[in-house]
Amino acid sequence: MRSILIKDTTREEREKIVHQALYGYCGSDCEFCSGCDSLGGGRIEAIYQPYIDGIKEIREINEEYRAPFVR
């Protein structure tokens, strides 16, 4: 398996990684979808934008997203 860390990927690769992961998770394209937003998570583009921009790793974003739900 290839690394998905920011240091090992380009912006274009990160966009593709996010898109493929989300499509594989729910089975639909994110365009015009508000599924995650209706669950209180916000627009999916906004959630993973820091990863795409090279600011935060996916692991960090997922941990922050889950934090309010974990006791």
PDB file of N, CA and C in Angstrom:
ATOM      1  N   MET A   1       0.848  -1.184   0.000  1.00  0.00           N
ATOM      2  CA  MET A   1       0.000   0.000   0.000  1.00  0.00           C
ATOM      3  C   MET A   1       0.890   1.243   0.000  1.00  0.00           C
ATOM      4  N   ARG A   2       0.535   2.185  -0.791  1.00  0.00           N
ATOM      5  CA  ARG A   2       1.296   3.427  -0.915  1.00  0.00           C
ATOM      6  C   ARG A   2       0.950   4.394   0.219  1.00  0.00           C
ATOM      7  N   SER A   3       1.916   5.144   0.664  1.00  0.00           N
ATOM      8  CA  SER A   3       1.724   6.110   1.734  1.00  0.00           C
ATOM      9  C   SER A   3       0.773   7.224   1.304  1.00  0.00           C
ATOM     10  N   ILE A   4      -0.090   7.640   2.240  1.00  0.00           N
ATOM     11  CA  ILE A   4      -0.989   8.767   1.981  1.00  0.00           C
ATOM     12  C   ILE A   4      -0.601   9.987   2.814  1.00  0.00           C
ATOM     13  N   LEU A   5       0.573   9.934   3.418  1.00  0.00           N
ATOM     14  CA  LEU A   5       1.046  11.073   4.200  1.00  0.00           C
ATOM     15  C   LEU A   5       1.276  12.275   3.291  1.00  0.00           C
ATOM     16  N   ILE A   6       1.111  13.440   3.844  1.00  0.00           N
ATOM     17  CA  ILE A   6       1.289  14.678   3.085  1.00  0.00           C
ATOM     18  C   ILE A   6       2.672  14.728   2.442  1.00  0.00           C
ATOM     19  N   LYS A   7       3.686  14.349   3.178  1.00  0.00           N
ATOM     20  CA  LYS A   7       5.057  14.439   2.662  1.00  0.00           C
ATOM     21  C   LYS A   7       5.293  13.510   1.470  1.00  0.00           C
ATOM     22  N   ASP A   8       4.442  12.510   1.302  1.00  0.00           N
ATOM     23  CA  ASP A   8       4.618  11.527   0.234  1.00  0.00           C
ATOM     24  C   ASP A   8       3.647  11.711  -0.935  1.00  0.00           C
ATOM     25  N   THR A   9       2.835  12.767  -0.907  1.00  0.00           N
ATOM     26  CA  THR A   9       1.809  12.960  -1.937  1.00  0.00           C
ATOM     27  C   THR A   9       1.798  14.387  -2.469  1.00  0.00           C
ATOM     28  N   THR A  10       1.258  14.536  -3.653  1.00  0.00           N
ATOM     29  CA  THR A  10       1.028  15.866  -4.220  1.00  0.00           C
ATOM     30  C   THR A  10      -0.399  16.284  -3.894  1.00  0.00           C
ATOM     31  N   ARG A  11      -0.696  17.529  -4.085  1.00  0.00           N
ATOM     32  CA  ARG A  11      -2.060  18.025  -3.855  1.00  0.00           C
ATOM     33  C   ARG A  11      -3.063  17.245  -4.699  1.00  0.00           C
ATOM     34  N   GLU A  12      -2.742  17.021  -5.955  1.00  0.00           N
ATOM     35  CA  GLU A  12      -3.639  16.295  -6.853  1.00  0.00           C
ATOM     36  C   GLU A  12      -3.875  14.872  -6.356  1.00  0.00           C
ATOM     37  N   GLU A  13      -2.825  14.241  -5.860  1.00  0.00           N
ATOM     38  CA  GLU A  13      -2.975  12.888  -5.315  1.00  0.00           C
ATOM     39  C   GLU A  13      -3.863  12.891  -4.076  1.00  0.00           C
ATOM     40  N   ARG A  14      -3.708  13.902  -3.223  1.00  0.00           N
ATOM     41  CA  ARG A  14      -4.535  13.987  -2.013  1.00  0.00           C
ATOM     42  C   ARG A  14      -5.999  14.207  -2.366  1.00  0.00           C
ATOM     43  N   GLU A  15      -6.278  15.032  -3.376  1.00  0.00           N
ATOM     44  CA  GLU A  15      -7.657  15.218  -3.817  1.00  0.00           C
ATOM     45  C   GLU A  15      -8.258  13.889  -4.272  1.00  0.00           C
ATOM     46  N   LYS A  16      -7.483  13.132  -5.015  1.00  0.00           N
ATOM     47  CA  LYS A  16      -7.943  11.837  -5.513  1.00  0.00           C
ATOM     48  C   LYS A  16      -8.142  10.845  -4.363  1.00  0.00           C
ATOM     49  N   ILE A  17      -7.237  10.847  -3.403  1.00  0.00           N
ATOM     50  CA  ILE A  17      -7.340   9.961  -2.243  1.00  0.00           C
ATOM     51  C   ILE A  17      -8.634  10.235  -1.483  1.00  0.00           C
ATOM     52  N   VAL A  18      -8.919  11.504  -1.223  1.00  0.00           N
ATOM     53  CA  VAL A  18     -10.132  11.869  -0.487  1.00  0.00           C
ATOM     54  C   VAL A  18     -11.368  11.470  -1.288  1.00  0.00           C
ATOM     55  N   HIS A  19     -11.386  11.801  -2.553  1.00  0.00           N
ATOM     56  CA  HIS A  19     -12.548  11.480  -3.375  1.00  0.00           C
ATOM     57  C   HIS A  19     -12.792   9.970  -3.425  1.00  0.00           C
ATOM     58  N   GLN A  20     -11.753   9.193  -3.657  1.00  0.00           N
ATOM     59  CA  GLN A  20     -11.906   7.744  -3.753  1.00  0.00           C
ATOM     60  C   GLN A  20     -12.337   7.141  -2.420  1.00  0.00           C
ATOM     61  N   ALA A  21     -11.798   7.626  -1.334  1.00  0.00           N
ATOM     62  CA  ALA A  21     -12.155   7.094  -0.016  1.00  0.00           C
ATOM     63  C   ALA A  21     -13.610   7.377   0.318  1.00  0.00           C
ATOM     64  N   LEU A  22     -14.064   8.572   0.017  1.00  0.00           N
ATOM     65  CA  LEU A  22     -15.440   8.929   0.335  1.00  0.00           C
ATOM     66  C   LEU A  22     -16.422   8.214  -0.576  1.00  0.00           C
ATOM     67  N   TYR A  23     -16.091   8.096  -1.831  1.00  0.00           N
ATOM     68  CA  TYR A  23     -16.966   7.394  -2.763  1.00  0.00           C
ATOM     69  C   TYR A  23     -17.080   5.928  -2.346  1.00  0.00           C
ATOM     70  N   GLY A  24     -15.989   5.342  -1.921  1.00  0.00           N
ATOM     71  CA  GLY A  24     -16.005   3.956  -1.487  1.00  0.00           C
ATOM     72  C   GLY A  24     -16.772   3.755  -0.193  1.00  0.00           C
ATOM     73  N   TYR A  25     -16.848   4.791   0.625  1.00  0.00           N
ATOM     74  CA  TYR A  25     -17.520   4.686   1.918  1.00  0.00           C
ATOM     75  C   TYR A  25     -19.034   4.704   1.776  1.00  0.00           C
ATOM     76  N   CYS A  26     -19.563   5.671   1.055  1.00  0.00           N
ATOM     77  CA  CYS A  26     -21.026   5.793   0.988  1.00  0.00           C
ATOM     78  C   CYS A  26     -21.588   5.382  -0.372  1.00  0.00           C
ATOM     79  N   GLY A  27     -20.745   5.247  -1.376  1.00  0.00           N
ATOM     80  CA  GLY A  27     -21.207   4.768  -2.666  1.00  0.00           C
ATOM     81  C   GLY A  27     -21.767   5.820  -3.599  1.00  0.00           C
ATOM     82  N   SER A  28     -21.663   7.091  -3.207  1.00  0.00           N
ATOM     83  CA  SER A  28     -22.142   8.130  -4.110  1.00  0.00           C
ATOM     84  C   SER A  28     -21.104   9.233  -4.208  1.00  0.00           C
ATOM     85  N   ASP A  29     -21.212  10.001  -5.281  1.00  0.00           N
ATOM     86  CA  ASP A  29     -20.298  11.116  -5.483  1.00  0.00           C
ATOM     87  C   ASP A  29     -20.663  12.232  -4.507  1.00  0.00           C
ATOM     88  N   CYS A  30     -19.694  12.976  -4.036  1.00  0.00           N
ATOM     89  CA  CYS A  30     -19.945  14.039  -3.068  1.00  0.00           C
ATOM     90  C   CYS A  30     -20.619  15.259  -3.677  1.00  0.00           C
ATOM     91  N   GLU A  31     -20.519  15.412  -4.980  1.00  0.00           N
ATOM     92  CA  GLU A  31     -21.087  16.590  -5.613  1.00  0.00           C
ATOM     93  C   GLU A  31     -22.587  16.649  -5.367  1.00  0.00           C
ATOM     94  N   PHE A  32     -23.044  17.766  -4.862  1.00  0.00           N
ATOM     95  CA  PHE A  32     -24.443  18.028  -4.540  1.00  0.00           C
ATOM     96  C   PHE A  32     -24.974  17.154  -3.410  1.00  0.00           C
ATOM     97  N   CYS A  33     -24.098  16.502  -2.673  1.00  0.00           N
ATOM     98  CA  CYS A  33     -24.504  15.664  -1.547  1.00  0.00           C
ATOM     99  C   CYS A  33     -24.358  16.470  -0.269  1.00  0.00           C
ATOM    100  N   SER A  34     -25.311  16.354   0.631  1.00  0.00           N
ATOM    101  CA  SER A  34     -25.181  17.002   1.938  1.00  0.00           C
ATOM    102  C   SER A  34     -25.298  15.970   3.043  1.00  0.00           C
ATOM    103  N   GLY A  35     -25.003  14.721   2.743  1.00  0.00           N
ATOM    104  CA  GLY A  35     -25.120  13.644   3.715  1.00  0.00           C
ATOM    105  C   GLY A  35     -24.320  13.888   4.978  1.00  0.00           C
ATOM    106  N   CYS A  36     -23.070  14.229   4.857  1.00  0.00           N
ATOM    107  CA  CYS A  36     -22.236  14.466   6.039  1.00  0.00           C
ATOM    108  C   CYS A  36     -22.679  15.731   6.758  1.00  0.00           C
ATOM    109  N   ASP A  37     -23.119  16.725   6.004  1.00  0.00           N
ATOM    110  CA  ASP A  37     -23.593  17.969   6.593  1.00  0.00           C
ATOM    111  C   ASP A  37     -24.845  17.712   7.428  1.00  0.00           C
ATOM    112  N   SER A  38     -25.749  16.871   6.931  1.00  0.00           N
ATOM    113  CA  SER A  38     -26.983  16.595   7.664  1.00  0.00           C
ATOM    114  C   SER A  38     -26.717  15.807   8.936  1.00  0.00           C
ATOM    115  N   LEU A  39     -25.569  15.147   9.026  1.00  0.00           N
ATOM    116  CA  LEU A  39     -25.193  14.420  10.243  1.00  0.00           C
ATOM    117  C   LEU A  39     -24.433  15.312  11.220  1.00  0.00           C
ATOM    118  N   GLY A  40     -24.253  16.570  10.866  1.00  0.00           N
ATOM    119  CA  GLY A  40     -23.577  17.510  11.745  1.00  0.00           C
ATOM    120  C   GLY A  40     -22.087  17.623  11.504  1.00  0.00           C
ATOM    121  N   GLY A  41     -21.586  16.963  10.479  1.00  0.00           N
ATOM    122  CA  GLY A  41     -20.154  16.963  10.221  1.00  0.00           C
ATOM    123  C   GLY A  41     -19.672  18.101   9.365  1.00  0.00           C
ATOM    124  N   GLY A  42     -20.566  18.767   8.695  1.00  0.00           N
ATOM    125  CA  GLY A  42     -20.173  19.827   7.790  1.00  0.00           C
ATOM    126  C   GLY A  42     -19.943  19.294   6.394  1.00  0.00           C
ATOM    127  N   ARG A  43     -19.763  20.179   5.456  1.00  0.00           N
ATOM    128  CA  ARG A  43     -19.515  19.763   4.077  1.00  0.00           C
ATOM    129  C   ARG A  43     -18.212  18.987   4.021  1.00  0.00           C
ATOM    130  N   ILE A  44     -18.234  17.906   3.323  1.00  0.00           N
ATOM    131  CA  ILE A  44     -17.084  17.012   3.280  1.00  0.00           C
ATOM    132  C   ILE A  44     -15.850  17.693   2.697  1.00  0.00           C
ATOM    133  N   GLU A  45     -16.059  18.591   1.733  1.00  0.00           N
ATOM    134  CA  GLU A  45     -14.904  19.300   1.174  1.00  0.00           C
ATOM    135  C   GLU A  45     -14.215  20.111   2.254  1.00  0.00           C
ATOM    136  N   ALA A  46     -14.998  20.716   3.137  1.00  0.00           N
ATOM    137  CA  ALA A  46     -14.430  21.534   4.201  1.00  0.00           C
ATOM    138  C   ALA A  46     -13.722  20.674   5.243  1.00  0.00           C
ATOM    139  N   ILE A  47     -14.271  19.503   5.528  1.00  0.00           N
ATOM    140  CA  ILE A  47     -13.682  18.637   6.540  1.00  0.00           C
ATOM    141  C   ILE A  47     -12.268  18.205   6.132  1.00  0.00           C
ATOM    142  N   TYR A  48     -12.097  17.782   4.891  1.00  0.00           N
ATOM    143  CA  TYR A  48     -10.803  17.256   4.446  1.00  0.00           C
ATOM    144  C   TYR A  48      -9.949  18.258   3.673  1.00  0.00           C
ATOM    145  N   GLN A  49     -10.383  19.498   3.587  1.00  0.00           N
ATOM    146  CA  GLN A  49      -9.611  20.515   2.883  1.00  0.00           C
ATOM    147  C   GLN A  49      -8.222  20.735   3.494  1.00  0.00           C
ATOM    148  N   PRO A  50      -8.084  20.710   4.827  1.00  0.00           N
ATOM    149  CA  PRO A  50      -6.723  20.872   5.391  1.00  0.00           C
ATOM    150  C   PRO A  50      -5.759  19.773   4.943  1.00  0.00           C
ATOM    151  N   TYR A  51      -6.260  18.571   4.735  1.00  0.00           N
ATOM    152  CA  TYR A  51      -5.399  17.493   4.212  1.00  0.00           C
ATOM    153  C   TYR A  51      -5.029  17.787   2.770  1.00  0.00           C
ATOM    154  N   ILE A  52      -5.997  18.133   1.977  1.00  0.00           N
ATOM    155  CA  ILE A  52      -5.743  18.435   0.565  1.00  0.00           C
ATOM    156  C   ILE A  52      -4.743  19.580   0.450  1.00  0.00           C
ATOM    157  N   ASP A  53      -4.869  20.576   1.323  1.00  0.00           N
ATOM    158  CA  ASP A  53      -3.970  21.736   1.308  1.00  0.00           C
ATOM    159  C   ASP A  53      -2.600  21.445   1.929  1.00  0.00           C
ATOM    160  N   GLY A  54      -2.430  20.255   2.514  1.00  0.00           N
ATOM    161  CA  GLY A  54      -1.150  19.897   3.106  1.00  0.00           C
ATOM    162  C   GLY A  54      -0.925  20.439   4.503  1.00  0.00           C
ATOM    163  N   ILE A  55      -1.989  20.734   5.221  1.00  0.00           N
ATOM    164  CA  ILE A  55      -1.883  21.317   6.553  1.00  0.00           C
ATOM    165  C   ILE A  55      -1.988  20.265   7.656  1.00  0.00           C
ATOM    166  N   LYS A  56      -2.947  19.340   7.519  1.00  0.00           N
ATOM    167  CA  LYS A  56      -3.173  18.297   8.526  1.00  0.00           C
ATOM    168  C   LYS A  56      -3.272  16.942   7.850  1.00  0.00           C
ATOM    169  N   GLU A  57      -2.779  15.922   8.544  1.00  0.00           N
ATOM    170  CA  GLU A  57      -2.901  14.559   8.048  1.00  0.00           C
ATOM    171  C   GLU A  57      -4.343  14.075   8.233  1.00  0.00           C
ATOM    172  N   ILE A  58      -4.737  13.094   7.449  1.00  0.00           N
ATOM    173  CA  ILE A  58      -6.085  12.529   7.560  1.00  0.00           C
ATOM    174  C   ILE A  58      -6.341  12.034   8.984  1.00  0.00           C
ATOM    175  N   ARG A  59      -5.358  11.405   9.587  1.00  0.00           N
ATOM    176  CA  ARG A  59      -5.496  10.886  10.945  1.00  0.00           C
ATOM    177  C   ARG A  59      -5.890  11.997  11.917  1.00  0.00           C
ATOM    178  N   GLU A  60      -5.252  13.154  11.810  1.00  0.00           N
ATOM    179  CA  GLU A  60      -5.562  14.279  12.692  1.00  0.00           C
ATOM    180  C   GLU A  60      -6.990  14.770  12.488  1.00  0.00           C
ATOM    181  N   ILE A  61      -7.398  14.872  11.258  1.00  0.00           N
ATOM    182  CA  ILE A  61      -8.749  15.343  10.946  1.00  0.00           C
ATOM    183  C   ILE A  61      -9.784  14.373  11.490  1.00  0.00           C
ATOM    184  N   ASN A  62      -9.557  13.076  11.273  1.00  0.00           N
ATOM    185  CA  ASN A  62     -10.504  12.074  11.765  1.00  0.00           C
ATOM    186  C   ASN A  62     -10.586  12.079  13.288  1.00  0.00           C
ATOM    187  N   GLU A  63      -9.455  12.252  13.961  1.00  0.00           N
ATOM    188  CA  GLU A  63      -9.450  12.311  15.425  1.00  0.00           C
ATOM    189  C   GLU A  63     -10.246  13.518  15.924  1.00  0.00           C
ATOM    190  N   GLU A  64     -10.070  14.664  15.288  1.00  0.00           N
ATOM    191  CA  GLU A  64     -10.808  15.871  15.680  1.00  0.00           C
ATOM    192  C   GLU A  64     -12.304  15.699  15.432  1.00  0.00           C
ATOM    193  N   TYR A  65     -12.651  15.061  14.337  1.00  0.00           N
ATOM    194  CA  TYR A  65     -14.060  14.853  13.985  1.00  0.00           C
ATOM    195  C   TYR A  65     -14.739  13.918  14.987  1.00  0.00           C
ATOM    196  N   ARG A  66     -14.027  12.870  15.413  1.00  0.00           N
ATOM    197  CA  ARG A  66     -14.588  11.878  16.346  1.00  0.00           C
ATOM    198  C   ARG A  66     -14.600  12.342  17.787  1.00  0.00           C
ATOM    199  N   ALA A  67     -13.751  13.258  18.159  1.00  0.00           N
ATOM    200  CA  ALA A  67     -13.566  13.652  19.561  1.00  0.00           C
ATOM    201  C   ALA A  67     -14.866  13.942  20.302  1.00  0.00           C
ATOM    202  N   PRO A  68     -15.806  14.687  19.748  1.00  0.00           N
ATOM    203  CA  PRO A  68     -17.029  14.966  20.505  1.00  0.00           C
ATOM    204  C   PRO A  68     -17.900  13.735  20.759  1.00  0.00           C
ATOM    205  N   PHE A  69     -17.679  12.684  19.990  1.00  0.00           N
ATOM    206  CA  PHE A  69     -18.533  11.503  20.091  1.00  0.00           C
ATOM    207  C   PHE A  69     -17.933  10.407  20.969  1.00  0.00           C
ATOM    208  N   VAL A  70     -16.659  10.546  21.334  1.00  0.00           N
ATOM    209  CA  VAL A  70     -15.957   9.524  22.106  1.00  0.00           C
ATOM    210  C   VAL A  70     -15.858   9.977  23.556  1.00  0.00           C
ATOM    211  N   ARG A  71     -16.191   9.078  24.447  1.00  0.00           N
ATOM    212  CA  ARG A  71     -16.107   9.421  25.880  1.00  0.00           C
ATOM    213  C   ARG A  71     -14.842   8.907  26.467  1.00  0.00           C
TER     214      ARG A  71
END
